């Protein structure tokens, strides 16, 4: 499936831009400008002061022989976000208007089930459909066993073993890339995301790099960028995530830990915290071997993170609201003076 010079399709755009403007899609963001795909060509547009994400649909004013001007950012249908790295409760948007999140986890030097769980929480929270892609499957002695292990921590998500070297799983993955749909690759450095994009595109459309001696990846993708394939589907490669700051609602955690949610229905108390309560079906399942202790520990950790983020967000919203009313009151007092 070769890369295409044509722009992404607009079938999913329900909100039409103002009359006289041109519809485009953000393919890459630089410091003060964006590369926008318009009718198969890339144009650079200043973005100073505008909150944009790769994948945004935008309306542009493109007068002849003048610099294009951003008119409007169309409403987003979905957003993939993570917690910002500044230790605040703020979220960092990664990609907008995506349909499927391809959670990529390398089979070598060893798949991290905990990382898959964390990335799946982000994926479910985005509003898109998650698919887990186990890359570098040619380096694992038994990919089928690894797929079953990953599937056990990814209920509700399809899991594929893929190798860009041997071609294993590429046809199956390609069949998921429907025309007009947007797919984002999310995973750590060294997962082979850029190599996978090149394999699906049928050519070198993104730079790739090796891994270090310890098996950890090198950052070859330094910014998010959009690649359009020949069938009209869109792939977005993202820089590798060294730390996965979880954001999202508790129901996203329940999606990832569906078996715990099902067990909790049978707990003696409706508000059971699954700690030391009598009649807890969840801890009972750990004791009799139905539920791995690692799964419960991971669930507890992610639930605490989501709750903490929600509390920090509520506190920040309260401070901002207080500051807003303080500013309004100050302004009103100024206007009331004779």
Protein backbone atom coordinates (compact mmCIF):
# COMPACT_ATOMS: atom_id res chain seq x y z
CA UNK A 1 0.00 0.00 0.00
CA UNK A 2 1.94 3.00 -1.24
CA UNK A 3 1.95 6.48 0.19
CA UNK A 4 -0.18 8.95 -1.67
CA UNK A 5 0.38 12.58 -2.55
CA UNK A 6 -3.35 13.17 -2.41
CA UNK A 7 -4.81 14.85 0.62
CA UNK A 8 -6.91 13.01 3.23
CA UNK A 9 -10.54 12.44 2.47
CA UNK A 10 -13.16 14.61 4.15
CA UNK A 11 -15.96 12.07 4.49
CA UNK A 12 -15.90 12.31 8.30
CA UNK A 13 -16.13 16.11 8.39
CA UNK A 14 -19.65 17.06 9.40
CA UNK A 15 -19.03 20.71 10.24
CA UNK A 16 -18.34 22.64 7.06
CA UNK A 17 -16.05 25.69 7.07
CA UNK A 18 -17.23 29.21 6.32
CA UNK A 19 -18.09 30.01 2.73
CA UNK A 20 -15.07 31.08 0.72
CA UNK A 21 -12.56 29.26 2.90
CA UNK A 22 -10.60 26.14 1.98
CA UNK A 23 -10.65 22.90 3.97
CA UNK A 24 -7.30 21.40 5.00
CA UNK A 25 -5.83 19.02 7.54
CA UNK A 26 -2.87 19.61 9.84
CA UNK A 27 -0.11 17.16 8.90
CA UNK A 28 2.70 18.49 11.08
CA UNK A 29 3.29 21.24 13.61
CA UNK A 30 6.44 23.34 13.87
CA UNK A 31 7.23 26.07 16.39
CA UNK A 32 5.07 28.84 14.89
CA UNK A 33 3.55 27.26 11.80
CA UNK A 34 1.73 24.19 10.56
CA UNK A 35 2.06 22.09 7.46
CA UNK A 36 -1.49 21.66 6.16
CA UNK A 37 -2.64 19.28 3.44
CA UNK A 38 -4.94 21.02 0.96
CA UNK A 39 -6.07 19.27 -2.25
CA UNK A 40 -3.04 17.00 -2.37
CA UNK A 41 -0.46 19.70 -1.68
CA UNK A 42 1.19 20.90 1.50
CA UNK A 43 1.00 24.55 2.48
CA UNK A 44 2.62 26.26 5.46
CA UNK A 45 0.32 28.35 7.64
CA UNK A 46 1.27 30.60 10.60
CA UNK A 47 -0.25 29.35 13.86
CA UNK A 48 0.85 31.89 16.46
CA UNK A 49 -1.58 31.84 19.38
CA UNK A 50 -3.67 28.97 17.99
CA UNK A 51 -4.07 25.67 19.81
CA UNK A 52 -3.65 23.08 17.07
CA UNK A 53 -3.08 19.34 17.00
CA UNK A 54 -1.89 17.09 14.21
CA UNK A 55 -5.04 15.69 12.62
CA UNK A 56 -7.07 18.87 13.08
CA UNK A 57 -9.38 19.88 10.24
CA UNK A 58 -8.99 23.62 9.58
CA UNK A 59 -10.49 26.27 7.36
CA UNK A 60 -8.01 28.49 5.54
CA UNK A 61 -8.20 31.76 3.70
CA UNK A 62 -5.85 31.44 0.72
CA UNK A 63 -5.86 34.67 -1.31
CA UNK A 64 -3.69 34.64 -4.47
CA UNK A 65 -0.07 35.64 -3.94
CA UNK A 66 -0.59 36.12 -0.21
CA UNK A 67 0.29 34.06 2.85
CA UNK A 68 -2.48 31.60 3.82
CA UNK A 69 -4.41 32.52 6.95
CA UNK A 70 -6.01 30.22 9.49
CA UNK A 71 -9.73 31.02 9.75
CA UNK A 72 -11.17 28.26 11.92
CA UNK A 73 -10.35 24.99 13.67
CA UNK A 74 -13.24 22.60 13.07
CA UNK A 75 -14.73 20.69 16.03
CA UNK A 76 -12.80 17.58 16.99
CA UNK A 77 -14.47 14.18 17.01
CA UNK A 78 -11.82 12.54 19.20
CA UNK A 79 -8.56 13.49 20.91
CA UNK A 80 -5.70 11.34 22.14
CA UNK A 81 -4.14 12.96 25.22
CA UNK A 82 -1.72 12.19 28.00
CA UNK A 83 -0.85 13.92 31.25
CA UNK A 84 1.57 16.77 30.67
CA UNK A 85 5.15 16.22 31.82
CA UNK A 86 5.15 19.31 34.06
CA UNK A 87 3.64 17.44 37.05
CA UNK A 88 0.43 19.44 36.85
CA UNK A 89 -3.11 18.21 36.24
CA UNK A 90 -3.07 19.55 32.69
CA UNK A 91 -3.46 17.32 29.66
CA UNK A 92 -1.28 17.34 26.56
CA UNK A 93 -3.20 16.72 23.35
CA UNK A 94 -1.36 14.45 20.94
CA UNK A 95 -3.59 13.80 17.90
CA UNK A 96 -7.10 14.88 16.91
CA UNK A 97 -9.86 13.25 14.86
CA UNK A 98 -8.57 9.71 14.99
CA UNK A 99 -10.57 6.51 14.45
CA UNK A 100 -8.17 3.82 15.68
CA UNK A 101 -5.25 3.85 18.11
CA UNK A 102 -2.60 1.27 17.22
CA UNK A 103 -0.95 0.50 20.56
CA UNK A 104 2.48 -0.77 19.51
CA UNK A 105 4.48 -2.95 21.87
CA UNK A 106 7.75 -4.63 20.79
CA UNK A 107 8.13 -8.37 21.23
CA UNK A 108 11.84 -7.85 21.85
CA UNK A 109 13.59 -7.33 24.25
CA UNK A 110 10.36 -8.18 26.08
CA UNK A 111 6.79 -6.96 25.98
CA UNK A 112 5.66 -4.91 28.98
CA UNK A 113 2.11 -5.89 29.89
CA UNK A 114 1.86 -2.98 32.33
CA UNK A 115 2.75 -0.50 29.59
CA UNK A 116 0.16 -2.05 27.28
CA UNK A 117 -2.46 -1.55 30.00
CA UNK A 118 -1.50 2.10 30.49
CA UNK A 119 -1.52 2.85 26.76
CA UNK A 120 -4.89 1.16 26.41
CA UNK A 121 -6.35 3.48 29.05
CA UNK A 122 -5.21 6.44 26.92
CA UNK A 123 -6.62 4.79 23.80
CA UNK A 124 -10.06 4.08 25.27
CA UNK A 125 -10.19 7.60 26.76
CA UNK A 126 -9.62 9.16 23.33
CA UNK A 127 -12.94 7.99 21.93
CA UNK A 128 -11.21 5.89 19.27
CA UNK A 129 -11.00 2.10 18.93
CA UNK A 130 -7.78 0.49 20.24
CA UNK A 131 -5.89 -2.27 18.44
CA UNK A 132 -2.73 -3.76 19.98
CA UNK A 133 0.09 -4.39 17.50
CA UNK A 134 2.93 -6.57 18.79
CA UNK A 135 5.86 -5.52 16.61
CA UNK A 136 9.15 -7.30 15.88
CA UNK A 137 7.36 -10.63 16.21
CA UNK A 138 10.14 -12.29 14.18
CA UNK A 139 12.43 -11.85 17.21
CA UNK A 140 10.15 -13.84 19.54
CA UNK A 141 10.42 -17.65 19.71
CA UNK A 142 6.63 -18.14 19.85
CA UNK A 143 4.61 -15.05 18.76
CA UNK A 144 1.31 -16.90 19.24
CA UNK A 145 2.01 -17.37 22.95
CA UNK A 146 2.94 -13.71 23.31
CA UNK A 147 -0.27 -12.64 21.54
CA UNK A 148 -2.31 -14.69 24.02
CA UNK A 149 -0.47 -13.09 26.95
CA UNK A 150 -1.12 -9.60 25.58
CA UNK A 151 -4.74 -10.43 24.75
CA UNK A 152 -5.28 -11.39 28.40
CA UNK A 153 -4.57 -7.77 29.42
CA UNK A 154 -6.41 -6.22 26.47
CA UNK A 155 -10.05 -7.31 26.67
CA UNK A 156 -12.16 -5.82 23.92
CA UNK A 157 -9.16 -4.99 21.73
CA UNK A 158 -7.88 -6.92 18.74
CA UNK A 159 -4.25 -8.08 19.11
CA UNK A 160 -1.99 -8.66 16.10
CA UNK A 161 1.58 -9.95 15.83
CA UNK A 162 3.42 -8.05 13.10
CA UNK A 163 6.91 -8.09 11.62
CA UNK A 164 8.08 -5.46 9.14
CA UNK A 165 11.02 -7.77 8.35
CA UNK A 166 9.17 -10.98 7.43
CA UNK A 167 5.86 -9.37 6.55
CA UNK A 168 3.96 -11.37 9.16
CA UNK A 169 0.64 -9.76 10.00
CA UNK A 170 1.05 -6.82 7.59
CA UNK A 171 -1.80 -7.92 5.32
CA UNK A 172 -4.12 -8.35 8.28
CA UNK A 173 -3.16 -4.95 9.64
CA UNK A 174 -3.50 -3.33 6.21
CA UNK A 175 -7.04 -4.71 5.94
CA UNK A 176 -7.97 -2.61 8.99
CA UNK A 177 -6.80 0.62 7.39
CA UNK A 178 -10.02 1.68 5.73
CA UNK A 179 -10.22 4.64 3.31
CA UNK A 180 -10.98 7.91 5.03
CA UNK A 181 -9.99 6.63 8.48
CA UNK A 182 -7.21 7.96 10.68
CA UNK A 183 -4.88 5.67 12.64
CA UNK A 184 -2.31 6.78 15.20
CA UNK A 185 0.64 4.66 16.32
CA UNK A 186 1.28 4.94 20.04
CA UNK A 187 4.13 3.22 21.86
CA UNK A 188 7.63 3.45 23.28
CA UNK A 189 10.82 4.32 21.42
CA UNK A 190 12.18 1.25 19.72
CA UNK A 191 8.76 -0.27 19.07
CA UNK A 192 9.35 0.07 15.32
CA UNK A 193 6.51 2.50 14.66
CA UNK A 194 8.26 4.40 11.84
CA UNK A 195 9.46 1.14 10.28
CA UNK A 196 5.88 -0.13 10.41
CA UNK A 197 4.58 3.02 8.71
CA UNK A 198 7.15 2.56 5.93
CA UNK A 199 6.16 -1.08 5.50
CA UNK A 200 2.48 -0.19 5.21
CA UNK A 201 3.24 2.71 2.88
CA UNK A 202 5.41 0.53 0.65
CA UNK A 203 8.35 2.91 0.81
CA UNK A 204 10.60 5.04 3.01
CA UNK A 205 8.29 7.89 3.98
CA UNK A 206 9.66 8.25 7.53
CA UNK A 207 13.19 8.12 8.93
CA UNK A 208 14.03 5.05 11.00
CA UNK A 209 16.80 4.24 13.42
CA UNK A 210 18.29 1.29 15.26
CA UNK A 211 18.07 0.33 18.87
CA UNK A 212 20.74 0.60 21.54
CA UNK A 213 22.69 -2.34 22.85
CA UNK A 214 20.24 -2.74 25.76
CA UNK A 215 17.34 -3.09 23.36
CA UNK A 216 15.91 0.34 24.14
CA UNK A 217 14.91 2.46 21.21
CA UNK A 218 16.30 5.68 19.86
CA UNK A 219 14.02 8.62 19.15
CA UNK A 220 13.71 8.70 15.35
CA UNK A 221 10.36 10.50 15.28
CA UNK A 222 10.77 13.87 16.96
CA UNK A 223 7.31 15.22 16.25
CA UNK A 224 3.91 13.90 15.29
CA UNK A 225 3.35 13.70 11.54
CA UNK A 226 0.61 12.54 9.26
CA UNK A 227 1.13 10.19 6.30
CA UNK A 228 -1.60 9.57 3.72
CA UNK A 229 -1.68 6.12 2.11
CA UNK A 230 -2.80 5.30 -1.41
CA UNK A 231 -6.22 4.03 -0.32
CA UNK A 232 -7.04 7.31 1.43
CA UNK A 233 -6.36 6.13 4.97
CA UNK A 234 -4.13 8.22 7.22
CA UNK A 235 -1.39 7.11 9.62
CA UNK A 236 0.05 9.37 12.31
CA UNK A 237 3.42 8.44 13.78
CA UNK A 238 4.19 9.79 17.25
CA UNK A 239 7.45 10.17 19.21
CA UNK A 240 8.11 7.30 21.59
CA UNK A 241 6.65 7.75 25.05
CA UNK A 242 9.20 7.13 27.80
CA UNK A 243 6.68 7.99 30.54
CA UNK A 244 2.97 7.37 30.07
CA UNK A 245 1.01 9.94 32.05
CA UNK A 246 -2.49 8.51 32.31
CA UNK A 247 -5.52 10.68 31.75
CA UNK A 248 -9.11 9.64 31.30
CA UNK A 249 -12.22 8.53 33.12
CA UNK A 250 -12.63 5.55 35.39
CA UNK A 251 -14.74 3.82 32.75
CA UNK A 252 -11.65 3.72 30.48
CA UNK A 253 -9.84 1.77 33.21
CA UNK A 254 -12.86 -0.54 33.44
CA UNK A 255 -12.58 -1.18 29.69
CA UNK A 256 -8.97 -2.29 30.09
CA UNK A 257 -9.72 -4.34 33.20
CA UNK A 258 -13.05 -5.79 32.14
CA UNK A 259 -12.64 -8.99 34.12
CA UNK A 260 -12.25 -7.01 37.37
CA UNK A 261 -15.38 -4.98 36.59
CA UNK A 262 -17.28 -8.25 36.02
CA UNK A 263 -16.02 -9.76 39.27
CA UNK A 264 -16.89 -6.59 41.21
CA UNK A 265 -20.57 -7.07 40.40
CA UNK A 266 -20.56 -10.08 42.76
CA UNK A 267 -18.88 -8.36 45.72
CA UNK A 268 -20.90 -8.31 48.93
CA UNK A 269 -20.76 -4.50 49.16
CA UNK A 270 -21.64 -2.20 46.26
CA UNK A 271 -18.88 0.25 47.26
CA UNK A 272 -16.24 -2.45 47.72
CA UNK A 273 -12.71 -1.07 47.21
CA UNK A 274 -11.31 -4.59 46.65
CA UNK A 275 -8.84 -4.26 49.48
CA UNK A 276 -9.69 -6.25 52.63
CA UNK A 277 -13.49 -6.13 52.62
CA UNK A 278 -15.31 -9.37 53.55
CA UNK A 279 -17.06 -11.00 50.64
CA UNK A 280 -14.90 -9.31 48.00
CA UNK A 281 -15.12 -11.37 44.83
CA UNK A 282 -12.08 -9.63 43.31
CA UNK A 283 -9.60 -10.43 46.07
CA UNK A 284 -11.16 -13.86 46.31
CA UNK A 285 -10.39 -14.41 42.63
CA UNK A 286 -6.75 -13.52 43.30
CA UNK A 287 -6.59 -15.98 46.19
CA UNK A 288 -8.00 -18.89 44.17
CA UNK A 289 -5.98 -18.12 41.05
CA UNK A 290 -8.75 -16.84 38.78
CA UNK A 291 -7.21 -13.34 38.65
CA UNK A 292 -3.44 -12.65 38.54
CA UNK A 293 -2.25 -10.55 41.48
CA UNK A 294 -0.31 -8.39 39.00
CA UNK A 295 -3.57 -7.42 37.25
CA UNK A 296 -5.19 -6.28 40.48
CA UNK A 297 -2.08 -4.30 41.50
CA UNK A 298 -2.01 -2.60 38.09
CA UNK A 299 -5.74 -1.80 38.31
CA UNK A 300 -5.29 -0.22 41.75
CA UNK A 301 -2.39 1.92 40.55
CA UNK A 302 -4.23 3.22 37.49
CA UNK A 303 -7.41 3.89 39.48
CA UNK A 304 -5.39 5.97 41.94
CA UNK A 305 -3.76 7.94 39.11
CA UNK A 306 -7.10 8.68 37.43
CA UNK A 307 -8.66 9.73 40.75
CA UNK A 308 -5.66 11.94 41.55
CA UNK A 309 -5.83 13.63 38.15
CA UNK A 310 -9.55 14.25 38.56
CA UNK A 311 -9.04 15.81 42.00
CA UNK A 312 -6.19 17.99 40.73
CA UNK A 313 -8.31 19.04 37.75
CA UNK A 314 -11.27 19.93 39.96
CA UNK A 315 -9.03 21.99 42.24
CA UNK A 316 -7.51 23.82 39.29
CA UNK A 317 -10.95 24.53 37.81
CA UNK A 318 -12.08 25.93 41.17
CA UNK A 319 -9.03 28.23 41.36
CA UNK A 320 -9.60 29.46 37.80
CA UNK A 321 -13.28 30.11 38.48
CA UNK A 322 -12.42 32.01 41.67
CA UNK A 323 -9.86 34.13 39.79
CA UNK A 324 -12.39 34.82 37.02
CA UNK A 325 -15.03 36.12 39.44
CA UNK A 326 -12.41 38.13 41.29
CA UNK A 327 -11.48 39.81 38.01
CA UNK A 328 -15.16 40.45 37.19
CA UNK A 329 -15.80 41.95 40.64
CA UNK A 330 -12.75 44.18 40.33
CA UNK A 331 -13.92 45.37 36.92
CA UNK A 332 -17.44 46.08 38.22
CA UNK A 333 -16.08 48.09 41.15
CA UNK A 334 -14.03 50.14 38.74
CA UNK A 335 -17.05 50.92 36.56
CA UNK A 336 -19.19 51.89 39.57
CA UNK A 337 -16.87 54.64 40.71
CA UNK A 338 -18.13 58.18 39.96
